[in-house]
Each structure stands twice: as structure tokens, then as C-alpha cells.
Amino acid sequence: MTGLDDVTFHVLRHTGATWFAEEGATVREVMERLGHRSERMAMHYQHAATERMRQLAYGMGGRLGGRLGTASEAKSEAEAS
């Protein structure tokens, strides 16, 4: 045994799909990889990509003198929601 009792096939599948989306996979690519017929199901894995876009936007805002917030503020905002 690995001692990772809470790691199930579903957890591994979700993690893999999330990482795939984070790497920039389109909804269609996620659908194909996971065998989904519905865009709605595939969009479930795009949450990480959306969060990453928020962090990047805040980081770019920091280059403008912090007028758009910071990456740490984006992380705090995301954790609160």
C-alpha cells in the first residue's frame, strides 16, 4: 500500500484533467481526453485555468504600480470564494 487512502481513481482523473486544462487545453481537448460528450462537463476542469488567468492579470497589474491588485490578493480572493 502507498498510505494514500484518500487518493482514488477519480481524484487522479480530476487532477490530470485539471493539469491538462492548466497547460492550456481547450474545452474540446478536455472533452476528447476524458470522453465527455458535454461541454458543461469539460468546463468543470477549466476552473483552474480561470484562476490562473486571474493570477496572471493581477501580476500584470502589479507591473502597473499595483493599481490592479497583486497576485497574493488574487489568491486571497480566490480562497475566500
PDB file of N, CA and C in Angstrom:
ATOM      1  N   MET A   1       0.828  -1.202   0.000  1.00  0.00           N
ATOM      2  CA  MET A   1       0.000   0.000   0.000  1.00  0.00           C
ATOM      3  C   MET A   1       0.864   1.253   0.000  1.00  0.00           C
ATOM      4  N   THR A   2       0.298   2.306  -0.516  1.00  0.00           N
ATOM      5  CA  THR A   2       1.026   3.567  -0.610  1.00  0.00           C
ATOM      6  C   THR A   2       0.813   4.466   0.601  1.00  0.00           C
ATOM      7  N   GLY A   3      -0.228   4.173   1.373  1.00  0.00           N
ATOM      8  CA  GLY A   3      -0.548   5.038   2.507  1.00  0.00           C
ATOM      9  C   GLY A   3      -1.349   6.260   2.088  1.00  0.00           C
ATOM     10  N   LEU A   4      -1.791   6.262   0.859  1.00  0.00           N
ATOM     11  CA  LEU A   4      -2.582   7.378   0.331  1.00  0.00           C
ATOM     12  C   LEU A   4      -4.025   6.923   0.146  1.00  0.00           C
ATOM     13  N   ASP A   5      -4.682   6.628   1.262  1.00  0.00           N
ATOM     14  CA  ASP A   5      -6.027   6.063   1.222  1.00  0.00           C
ATOM     15  C   ASP A   5      -7.060   6.975   0.573  1.00  0.00           C
ATOM     16  N   ASP A   6      -6.854   8.282   0.647  1.00  0.00           N
ATOM     17  CA  ASP A   6      -7.829   9.216   0.080  1.00  0.00           C
ATOM     18  C   ASP A   6      -7.594   9.491  -1.400  1.00  0.00           C
ATOM     19  N   VAL A   7      -6.576   8.886  -1.990  1.00  0.00           N
ATOM     20  CA  VAL A   7      -6.303   9.066  -3.414  1.00  0.00           C
ATOM     21  C   VAL A   7      -7.007   7.947  -4.176  1.00  0.00           C
ATOM     22  N   THR A   8      -8.070   8.329  -4.857  1.00  0.00           N
ATOM     23  CA  THR A   8      -8.855   7.372  -5.626  1.00  0.00           C
ATOM     24  C   THR A   8      -8.616   7.593  -7.114  1.00  0.00           C
ATOM     25  N   PHE A   9      -9.127   6.698  -7.924  1.00  0.00           N
ATOM     26  CA  PHE A   9      -9.037   6.866  -9.373  1.00  0.00           C
ATOM     27  C   PHE A   9      -9.673   8.196  -9.780  1.00  0.00           C
ATOM     28  N   HIS A  10     -10.814   8.518  -9.170  1.00  0.00           N
ATOM     29  CA  HIS A  10     -11.499   9.768  -9.509  1.00  0.00           C
ATOM     30  C   HIS A  10     -10.622  10.979  -9.194  1.00  0.00           C
ATOM     31  N   VAL A  11      -9.952  10.968  -8.052  1.00  0.00           N
ATOM     32  CA  VAL A  11      -9.065  12.073  -7.669  1.00  0.00           C
ATOM     33  C   VAL A  11      -7.938  12.213  -8.695  1.00  0.00           C
ATOM     34  N   LEU A  12      -7.346  11.087  -9.079  1.00  0.00           N
ATOM     35  CA  LEU A  12      -6.270  11.130 -10.074  1.00  0.00           C
ATOM     36  C   LEU A  12      -6.773  11.634 -11.425  1.00  0.00           C
ATOM     37  N   ARG A  13      -7.955  11.189 -11.820  1.00  0.00           N
ATOM     38  CA  ARG A  13      -8.545  11.627 -13.095  1.00  0.00           C
ATOM     39  C   ARG A  13      -8.812  13.127 -13.063  1.00  0.00           C
ATOM     40  N   HIS A  14      -9.391  13.601 -11.967  1.00  0.00           N
ATOM     41  CA  HIS A  14      -9.693  15.027 -11.829  1.00  0.00           C
ATOM     42  C   HIS A  14      -8.408  15.852 -11.839  1.00  0.00           C
ATOM     43  N   THR A  15      -7.405  15.393 -11.118  1.00  0.00           N
ATOM     44  CA  THR A  15      -6.133  16.107 -11.070  1.00  0.00           C
ATOM     45  C   THR A  15      -5.504  16.170 -12.459  1.00  0.00           C
ATOM     46  N   GLY A  16      -5.484  15.049 -13.150  1.00  0.00           N
ATOM     47  CA  GLY A  16      -4.924  15.021 -14.504  1.00  0.00           C
ATOM     48  C   GLY A  16      -5.659  15.953 -15.447  1.00  0.00           C
ATOM     49  N   ALA A  17      -6.973  15.953 -15.376  1.00  0.00           N
ATOM     50  CA  ALA A  17      -7.767  16.819 -16.247  1.00  0.00           C
ATOM     51  C   ALA A  17      -7.553  18.291 -15.905  1.00  0.00           C
ATOM     52  N   THR A  18      -7.447  18.585 -14.614  1.00  0.00           N
ATOM     53  CA  THR A  18      -7.205  19.962 -14.189  1.00  0.00           C
ATOM     54  C   THR A  18      -5.848  20.440 -14.683  1.00  0.00           C
ATOM     55  N   TRP A  19      -4.836  19.605 -14.527  1.00  0.00           N
ATOM     56  CA  TRP A  19      -3.498  19.974 -15.006  1.00  0.00           C
ATOM     57  C   TRP A  19      -3.496  20.145 -16.515  1.00  0.00           C
ATOM     58  N   PHE A  20      -4.222  19.310 -17.209  1.00  0.00           N
ATOM     59  CA  PHE A  20      -4.344  19.404 -18.666  1.00  0.00           C
ATOM     60  C   PHE A  20      -4.929  20.773 -19.037  1.00  0.00           C
ATOM     61  N   ALA A  21      -5.976  21.177 -18.340  1.00  0.00           N
ATOM     62  CA  ALA A  21      -6.589  22.488 -18.581  1.00  0.00           C
ATOM     63  C   ALA A  21      -5.628  23.613 -18.228  1.00  0.00           C
ATOM     64  N   GLU A  22      -4.896  23.461 -17.128  1.00  0.00           N
ATOM     65  CA  GLU A  22      -3.931  24.487 -16.727  1.00  0.00           C
ATOM     66  C   GLU A  22      -2.840  24.667 -17.774  1.00  0.00           C
ATOM     67  N   GLU A  23      -2.519  23.616 -18.473  1.00  0.00           N
ATOM     68  CA  GLU A  23      -1.497  23.700 -19.517  1.00  0.00           C
ATOM     69  C   GLU A  23      -2.027  24.374 -20.772  1.00  0.00           C
ATOM     70  N   GLY A  24      -3.311  24.697 -20.774  1.00  0.00           N
ATOM     71  CA  GLY A  24      -3.872  25.430 -21.897  1.00  0.00           C
ATOM     72  C   GLY A  24      -4.783  24.631 -22.802  1.00  0.00           C
ATOM     73  N   ALA A  25      -5.158  23.424 -22.392  1.00  0.00           N
ATOM     74  CA  ALA A  25      -6.056  22.619 -23.218  1.00  0.00           C
ATOM     75  C   ALA A  25      -7.394  23.337 -23.396  1.00  0.00           C
ATOM     76  N   THR A  26      -7.929  23.245 -24.579  1.00  0.00           N
ATOM     77  CA  THR A  26      -9.246  23.819 -24.847  1.00  0.00           C
ATOM     78  C   THR A  26     -10.323  22.905 -24.279  1.00  0.00           C
ATOM     79  N   VAL A  27     -11.530  23.411 -24.215  1.00  0.00           N
ATOM     80  CA  VAL A  27     -12.652  22.602 -23.735  1.00  0.00           C
ATOM     81  C   VAL A  27     -12.789  21.360 -24.606  1.00  0.00           C
ATOM     82  N   ARG A  28     -12.677  21.518 -25.910  1.00  0.00           N
ATOM     83  CA  ARG A  28     -12.764  20.377 -26.839  1.00  0.00           C
ATOM     84  C   ARG A  28     -11.690  19.337 -26.545  1.00  0.00           C
ATOM     85  N   GLU A  29     -10.484  19.791 -26.263  1.00  0.00           N
ATOM     86  CA  GLU A  29      -9.395  18.860 -25.957  1.00  0.00           C
ATOM     87  C   GLU A  29      -9.647  18.111 -24.649  1.00  0.00           C
ATOM     88  N   VAL A  30     -10.186  18.808 -23.648  1.00  0.00           N
ATOM     89  CA  VAL A  30     -10.534  18.153 -22.390  1.00  0.00           C
ATOM     90  C   VAL A  30     -11.644  17.136 -22.637  1.00  0.00           C
ATOM     91  N   MET A  31     -12.632  17.512 -23.434  1.00  0.00           N
ATOM     92  CA  MET A  31     -13.725  16.596 -23.757  1.00  0.00           C
ATOM     93  C   MET A  31     -13.190  15.324 -24.404  1.00  0.00           C
ATOM     94  N   GLU A  32     -12.296  15.491 -25.357  1.00  0.00           N
ATOM     95  CA  GLU A  32     -11.747  14.339 -26.067  1.00  0.00           C
ATOM     96  C   GLU A  32     -10.917  13.462 -25.126  1.00  0.00           C
ATOM     97  N   ARG A  33     -10.105  14.093 -24.315  1.00  0.00           N
ATOM     98  CA  ARG A  33      -9.230  13.339 -23.412  1.00  0.00           C
ATOM     99  C   ARG A  33     -10.023  12.520 -22.404  1.00  0.00           C
ATOM    100  N   LEU A  34     -11.121  13.088 -21.890  1.00  0.00           N
ATOM    101  CA  LEU A  34     -11.892  12.421 -20.847  1.00  0.00           C
ATOM    102  C   LEU A  34     -13.096  11.644 -21.377  1.00  0.00           C
ATOM    103  N   GLY A  35     -13.369  11.802 -22.667  1.00  0.00           N
ATOM    104  CA  GLY A  35     -14.504  11.088 -23.244  1.00  0.00           C
ATOM    105  C   GLY A  35     -15.850  11.723 -22.940  1.00  0.00           C
ATOM    106  N   HIS A  36     -15.861  13.005 -22.649  1.00  0.00           N
ATOM    107  CA  HIS A  36     -17.120  13.705 -22.365  1.00  0.00           C
ATOM    108  C   HIS A  36     -17.827  14.087 -23.666  1.00  0.00           C
ATOM    109  N   ARG A  37     -19.121  14.031 -23.632  1.00  0.00           N
ATOM    110  CA  ARG A  37     -19.923  14.493 -24.776  1.00  0.00           C
ATOM    111  C   ARG A  37     -20.437  15.908 -24.546  1.00  0.00           C
ATOM    112  N   SER A  38     -20.427  16.320 -23.304  1.00  0.00           N
ATOM    113  CA  SER A  38     -20.983  17.612 -22.918  1.00  0.00           C
ATOM    114  C   SER A  38     -19.872  18.618 -22.621  1.00  0.00           C
ATOM    115  N   GLU A  39     -20.003  19.803 -23.204  1.00  0.00           N
ATOM    116  CA  GLU A  39     -19.053  20.874 -22.888  1.00  0.00           C
ATOM    117  C   GLU A  39     -19.167  21.267 -21.421  1.00  0.00           C
ATOM    118  N   ARG A  40     -20.361  21.162 -20.891  1.00  0.00           N
ATOM    119  CA  ARG A  40     -20.587  21.531 -19.492  1.00  0.00           C
ATOM    120  C   ARG A  40     -19.723  20.685 -18.561  1.00  0.00           C
ATOM    121  N   MET A  41     -19.634  19.393 -18.834  1.00  0.00           N
ATOM    122  CA  MET A  41     -18.789  18.518 -18.010  1.00  0.00           C
ATOM    123  C   MET A  41     -17.327  18.906 -18.132  1.00  0.00           C
ATOM    124  N   ALA A  42     -16.890  19.178 -19.343  1.00  0.00           N
ATOM    125  CA  ALA A  42     -15.486  19.534 -19.567  1.00  0.00           C
ATOM    126  C   ALA A  42     -15.147  20.879 -18.933  1.00  0.00           C
ATOM    127  N   MET A  43     -16.087  21.779 -18.885  1.00  0.00           N
ATOM    128  CA  MET A  43     -15.850  23.100 -18.292  1.00  0.00           C
ATOM    129  C   MET A  43     -15.533  22.986 -16.803  1.00  0.00           C
ATOM    130  N   HIS A  44     -15.946  21.909 -16.186  1.00  0.00           N
ATOM    131  CA  HIS A  44     -15.676  21.696 -14.765  1.00  0.00           C
ATOM    132  C   HIS A  44     -14.174  21.763 -14.473  1.00  0.00           C
ATOM    133  N   TYR A  45     -13.375  21.361 -15.433  1.00  0.00           N
ATOM    134  CA  TYR A  45     -11.923  21.318 -15.246  1.00  0.00           C
ATOM    135  C   TYR A  45     -11.248  22.633 -15.628  1.00  0.00           C
ATOM    136  N   GLN A  46     -11.998  23.559 -16.153  1.00  0.00           N
ATOM    137  CA  GLN A  46     -11.442  24.841 -16.557  1.00  0.00           C
ATOM    138  C   GLN A  46     -11.318  25.806 -15.390  1.00  0.00           C
ATOM    139  N   HIS A  47     -11.863  25.465 -14.224  1.00  0.00           N
ATOM    140  CA  HIS A  47     -11.791  26.380 -13.072  1.00  0.00           C
ATOM    141  C   HIS A  47     -10.358  26.742 -12.740  1.00  0.00           C
ATOM    142  N   ALA A  48      -9.471  25.799 -12.867  1.00  0.00           N
ATOM    143  CA  ALA A  48      -8.068  26.067 -12.558  1.00  0.00           C
ATOM    144  C   ALA A  48      -7.471  27.025 -13.574  1.00  0.00           C
ATOM    145  N   ALA A  49      -7.859  26.854 -14.826  1.00  0.00           N
ATOM    146  CA  ALA A  49      -7.358  27.749 -15.865  1.00  0.00           C
ATOM    147  C   ALA A  49      -7.883  29.165 -15.629  1.00  0.00           C
ATOM    148  N   THR A  50      -9.123  29.277 -15.186  1.00  0.00           N
ATOM    149  CA  THR A  50      -9.710  30.589 -14.895  1.00  0.00           C
ATOM    150  C   THR A  50      -8.965  31.250 -13.741  1.00  0.00           C
ATOM    151  N   GLU A  51      -8.672  30.473 -12.712  1.00  0.00           N
ATOM    152  CA  GLU A  51      -7.921  31.008 -11.566  1.00  0.00           C
ATOM    153  C   GLU A  51      -6.538  31.461 -11.996  1.00  0.00           C
ATOM    154  N   ARG A  52      -5.899  30.680 -12.846  1.00  0.00           N
ATOM    155  CA  ARG A  52      -4.564  31.039 -13.338  1.00  0.00           C
ATOM    156  C   ARG A  52      -4.627  32.347 -14.118  1.00  0.00           C
ATOM    157  N   MET A  53      -5.651  32.537 -14.920  1.00  0.00           N
ATOM    158  CA  MET A  53      -5.801  33.784 -15.675  1.00  0.00           C
ATOM    159  C   MET A  53      -5.957  34.972 -14.720  1.00  0.00           C
ATOM    160  N   ARG A  54      -6.694  34.763 -13.627  1.00  0.00           N
ATOM    161  CA  ARG A  54      -6.871  35.831 -12.636  1.00  0.00           C
ATOM    162  C   ARG A  54      -5.525  36.187 -12.013  1.00  0.00           C
ATOM    163  N   GLN A  55      -4.735  35.165 -11.658  1.00  0.00           N
ATOM    164  CA  GLN A  55      -3.432  35.416 -11.058  1.00  0.00           C
ATOM    165  C   GLN A  55      -2.518  36.160 -12.031  1.00  0.00           C
ATOM    166  N   LEU A  56      -2.551  35.762 -13.289  1.00  0.00           N
ATOM    167  CA  LEU A  56      -1.719  36.443 -14.288  1.00  0.00           C
ATOM    168  C   LEU A  56      -2.140  37.902 -14.448  1.00  0.00           C
ATOM    169  N   ALA A  57      -3.441  38.146 -14.464  1.00  0.00           N
ATOM    170  CA  ALA A  57      -3.936  39.520 -14.613  1.00  0.00           C
ATOM    171  C   ALA A  57      -3.497  40.386 -13.433  1.00  0.00           C
ATOM    172  N   TYR A  58      -3.596  39.849 -12.224  1.00  0.00           N
ATOM    173  CA  TYR A  58      -3.155  40.601 -11.058  1.00  0.00           C
ATOM    174  C   TYR A  58      -1.650  40.853 -11.107  1.00  0.00           C
ATOM    175  N   GLY A  59      -0.910  39.850 -11.553  1.00  0.00           N
ATOM    176  CA  GLY A  59       0.531  40.023 -11.684  1.00  0.00           C
ATOM    177  C   GLY A  59       0.882  41.124 -12.660  1.00  0.00           C
ATOM    178  N   MET A  60       0.155  41.175 -13.753  1.00  0.00           N
ATOM    179  CA  MET A  60       0.386  42.244 -14.731  1.00  0.00           C
ATOM    180  C   MET A  60       0.003  43.591 -14.134  1.00  0.00           C
ATOM    181  N   GLY A  61      -1.044  43.594 -13.310  1.00  0.00           N
ATOM    182  CA  GLY A  61      -1.444  44.825 -12.641  1.00  0.00           C
ATOM    183  C   GLY A  61      -0.353  45.344 -11.731  1.00  0.00           C
ATOM    184  N   GLY A  62       0.387  44.419 -11.118  1.00  0.00           N
ATOM    185  CA  GLY A  62       1.497  44.809 -10.257  1.00  0.00           C
ATOM    186  C   GLY A  62       2.552  45.578 -11.027  1.00  0.00           C
ATOM    187  N   ARG A  63       2.706  45.249 -12.286  1.00  0.00           N
ATOM    188  CA  ARG A  63       3.670  45.971 -13.135  1.00  0.00           C
ATOM    189  C   ARG A  63       3.197  47.397 -13.422  1.00  0.00           C
ATOM    190  N   LEU A  64       1.925  47.639 -13.202  1.00  0.00           N
ATOM    191  CA  LEU A  64       1.380  48.983 -13.406  1.00  0.00           C
ATOM    192  C   LEU A  64       1.320  49.750 -12.085  1.00  0.00           C
ATOM    193  N   GLY A  65       2.161  49.374 -11.161  1.00  0.00           N
ATOM    194  CA  GLY A  65       2.196  50.087  -9.890  1.00  0.00           C
ATOM    195  C   GLY A  65       1.166  49.588  -8.900  1.00  0.00           C
ATOM    196  N   GLY A  66       0.658  48.375  -9.104  1.00  0.00           N
ATOM    197  CA  GLY A  66      -0.290  47.806  -8.157  1.00  0.00           C
ATOM    198  C   GLY A  66      -1.693  48.339  -8.284  1.00  0.00           C
ATOM    199  N   ARG A  67      -1.973  49.087  -9.328  1.00  0.00           N
ATOM    200  CA  ARG A  67      -3.298  49.672  -9.458  1.00  0.00           C
ATOM    201  C   ARG A  67      -4.387  48.628  -9.689  1.00  0.00           C
ATOM    202  N   LEU A  68      -4.006  47.450 -10.162  1.00  0.00           N
ATOM    203  CA  LEU A  68      -4.991  46.404 -10.405  1.00  0.00           C
ATOM    204  C   LEU A  68      -4.912  45.285  -9.376  1.00  0.00           C
ATOM    205  N   GLY A  69      -4.169  45.479  -8.320  1.00  0.00           N
ATOM    206  CA  GLY A  69      -4.034  44.461  -7.286  1.00  0.00           C
ATOM    207  C   GLY A  69      -2.762  43.662  -7.478  1.00  0.00           C
ATOM    208  N   THR A  70      -2.602  42.636  -6.657  1.00  0.00           N
ATOM    209  CA  THR A  70      -1.411  41.798  -6.706  1.00  0.00           C
ATOM    210  C   THR A  70      -1.818  40.335  -6.801  1.00  0.00           C
ATOM    211  N   ALA A  71      -0.859  39.492  -7.124  1.00  0.00           N
ATOM    212  CA  ALA A  71      -1.128  38.059  -7.218  1.00  0.00           C
ATOM    213  C   ALA A  71      -1.559  37.501  -5.868  1.00  0.00           C
ATOM    214  N   SER A  72      -0.969  37.989  -4.773  1.00  0.00           N
ATOM    215  CA  SER A  72      -1.366  37.487  -3.455  1.00  0.00           C
ATOM    216  C   SER A  72      -2.798  37.894  -3.134  1.00  0.00           C
ATOM    217  N   GLU A  73      -3.221  39.065  -3.586  1.00  0.00           N
ATOM    218  CA  GLU A  73      -4.618  39.474  -3.400  1.00  0.00           C
ATOM    219  C   GLU A  73      -5.537  38.576  -4.208  1.00  0.00           C
ATOM    220  N   ALA A  74      -5.109  38.190  -5.399  1.00  0.00           N
ATOM    221  CA  ALA A  74      -5.906  37.287  -6.237  1.00  0.00           C
ATOM    222  C   ALA A  74      -6.065  35.951  -5.544  1.00  0.00           C
ATOM    223  N   LYS A  75      -4.978  35.447  -4.947  1.00  0.00           N
ATOM    224  CA  LYS A  75      -5.039  34.166  -4.250  1.00  0.00           C
ATOM    225  C   LYS A  75      -5.971  34.262  -3.046  1.00  0.00           C
ATOM    226  N   SER A  76      -5.870  35.340  -2.276  1.00  0.00           N
ATOM    227  CA  SER A  76      -6.732  35.528  -1.112  1.00  0.00           C
ATOM    228  C   SER A  76      -8.192  35.621  -1.534  1.00  0.00           C
ATOM    229  N   GLU A  77      -8.439  36.331  -2.613  1.00  0.00           N
ATOM    230  CA  GLU A  77      -9.803  36.481  -3.138  1.00  0.00           C
ATOM    231  C   GLU A  77     -10.357  35.137  -3.575  1.00  0.00           C
ATOM    232  N   ALA A  78      -9.543  34.335  -4.239  1.00  0.00           N
ATOM    233  CA  ALA A  78      -9.966  33.025  -4.720  1.00  0.00           C
ATOM    234  C   ALA A  78     -10.238  32.079  -3.556  1.00  0.00           C
ATOM    235  N   GLU A  79      -9.405  32.127  -2.522  1.00  0.00           N
ATOM    236  CA  GLU A  79      -9.588  31.256  -1.367  1.00  0.00           C
ATOM    237  C   GLU A  79     -10.846  31.623  -0.591  1.00  0.00           C
ATOM    238  N   ALA A  80     -11.234  32.887  -0.622  1.00  0.00           N
ATOM    239  CA  ALA A  80     -12.424  33.331   0.086  1.00  0.00           C
ATOM    240  C   ALA A  80     -13.694  32.889  -0.624  1.00  0.00           C
ATOM    241  N   SER A  81     -13.596  32.655  -1.935  1.00  0.00           N
ATOM    242  CA  SER A  81     -14.816  32.270  -2.679  1.00  0.00           C
ATOM    243  C   SER A  81     -14.999  30.797  -2.753  1.00  0.00           C
TER     244      SER A  81
END
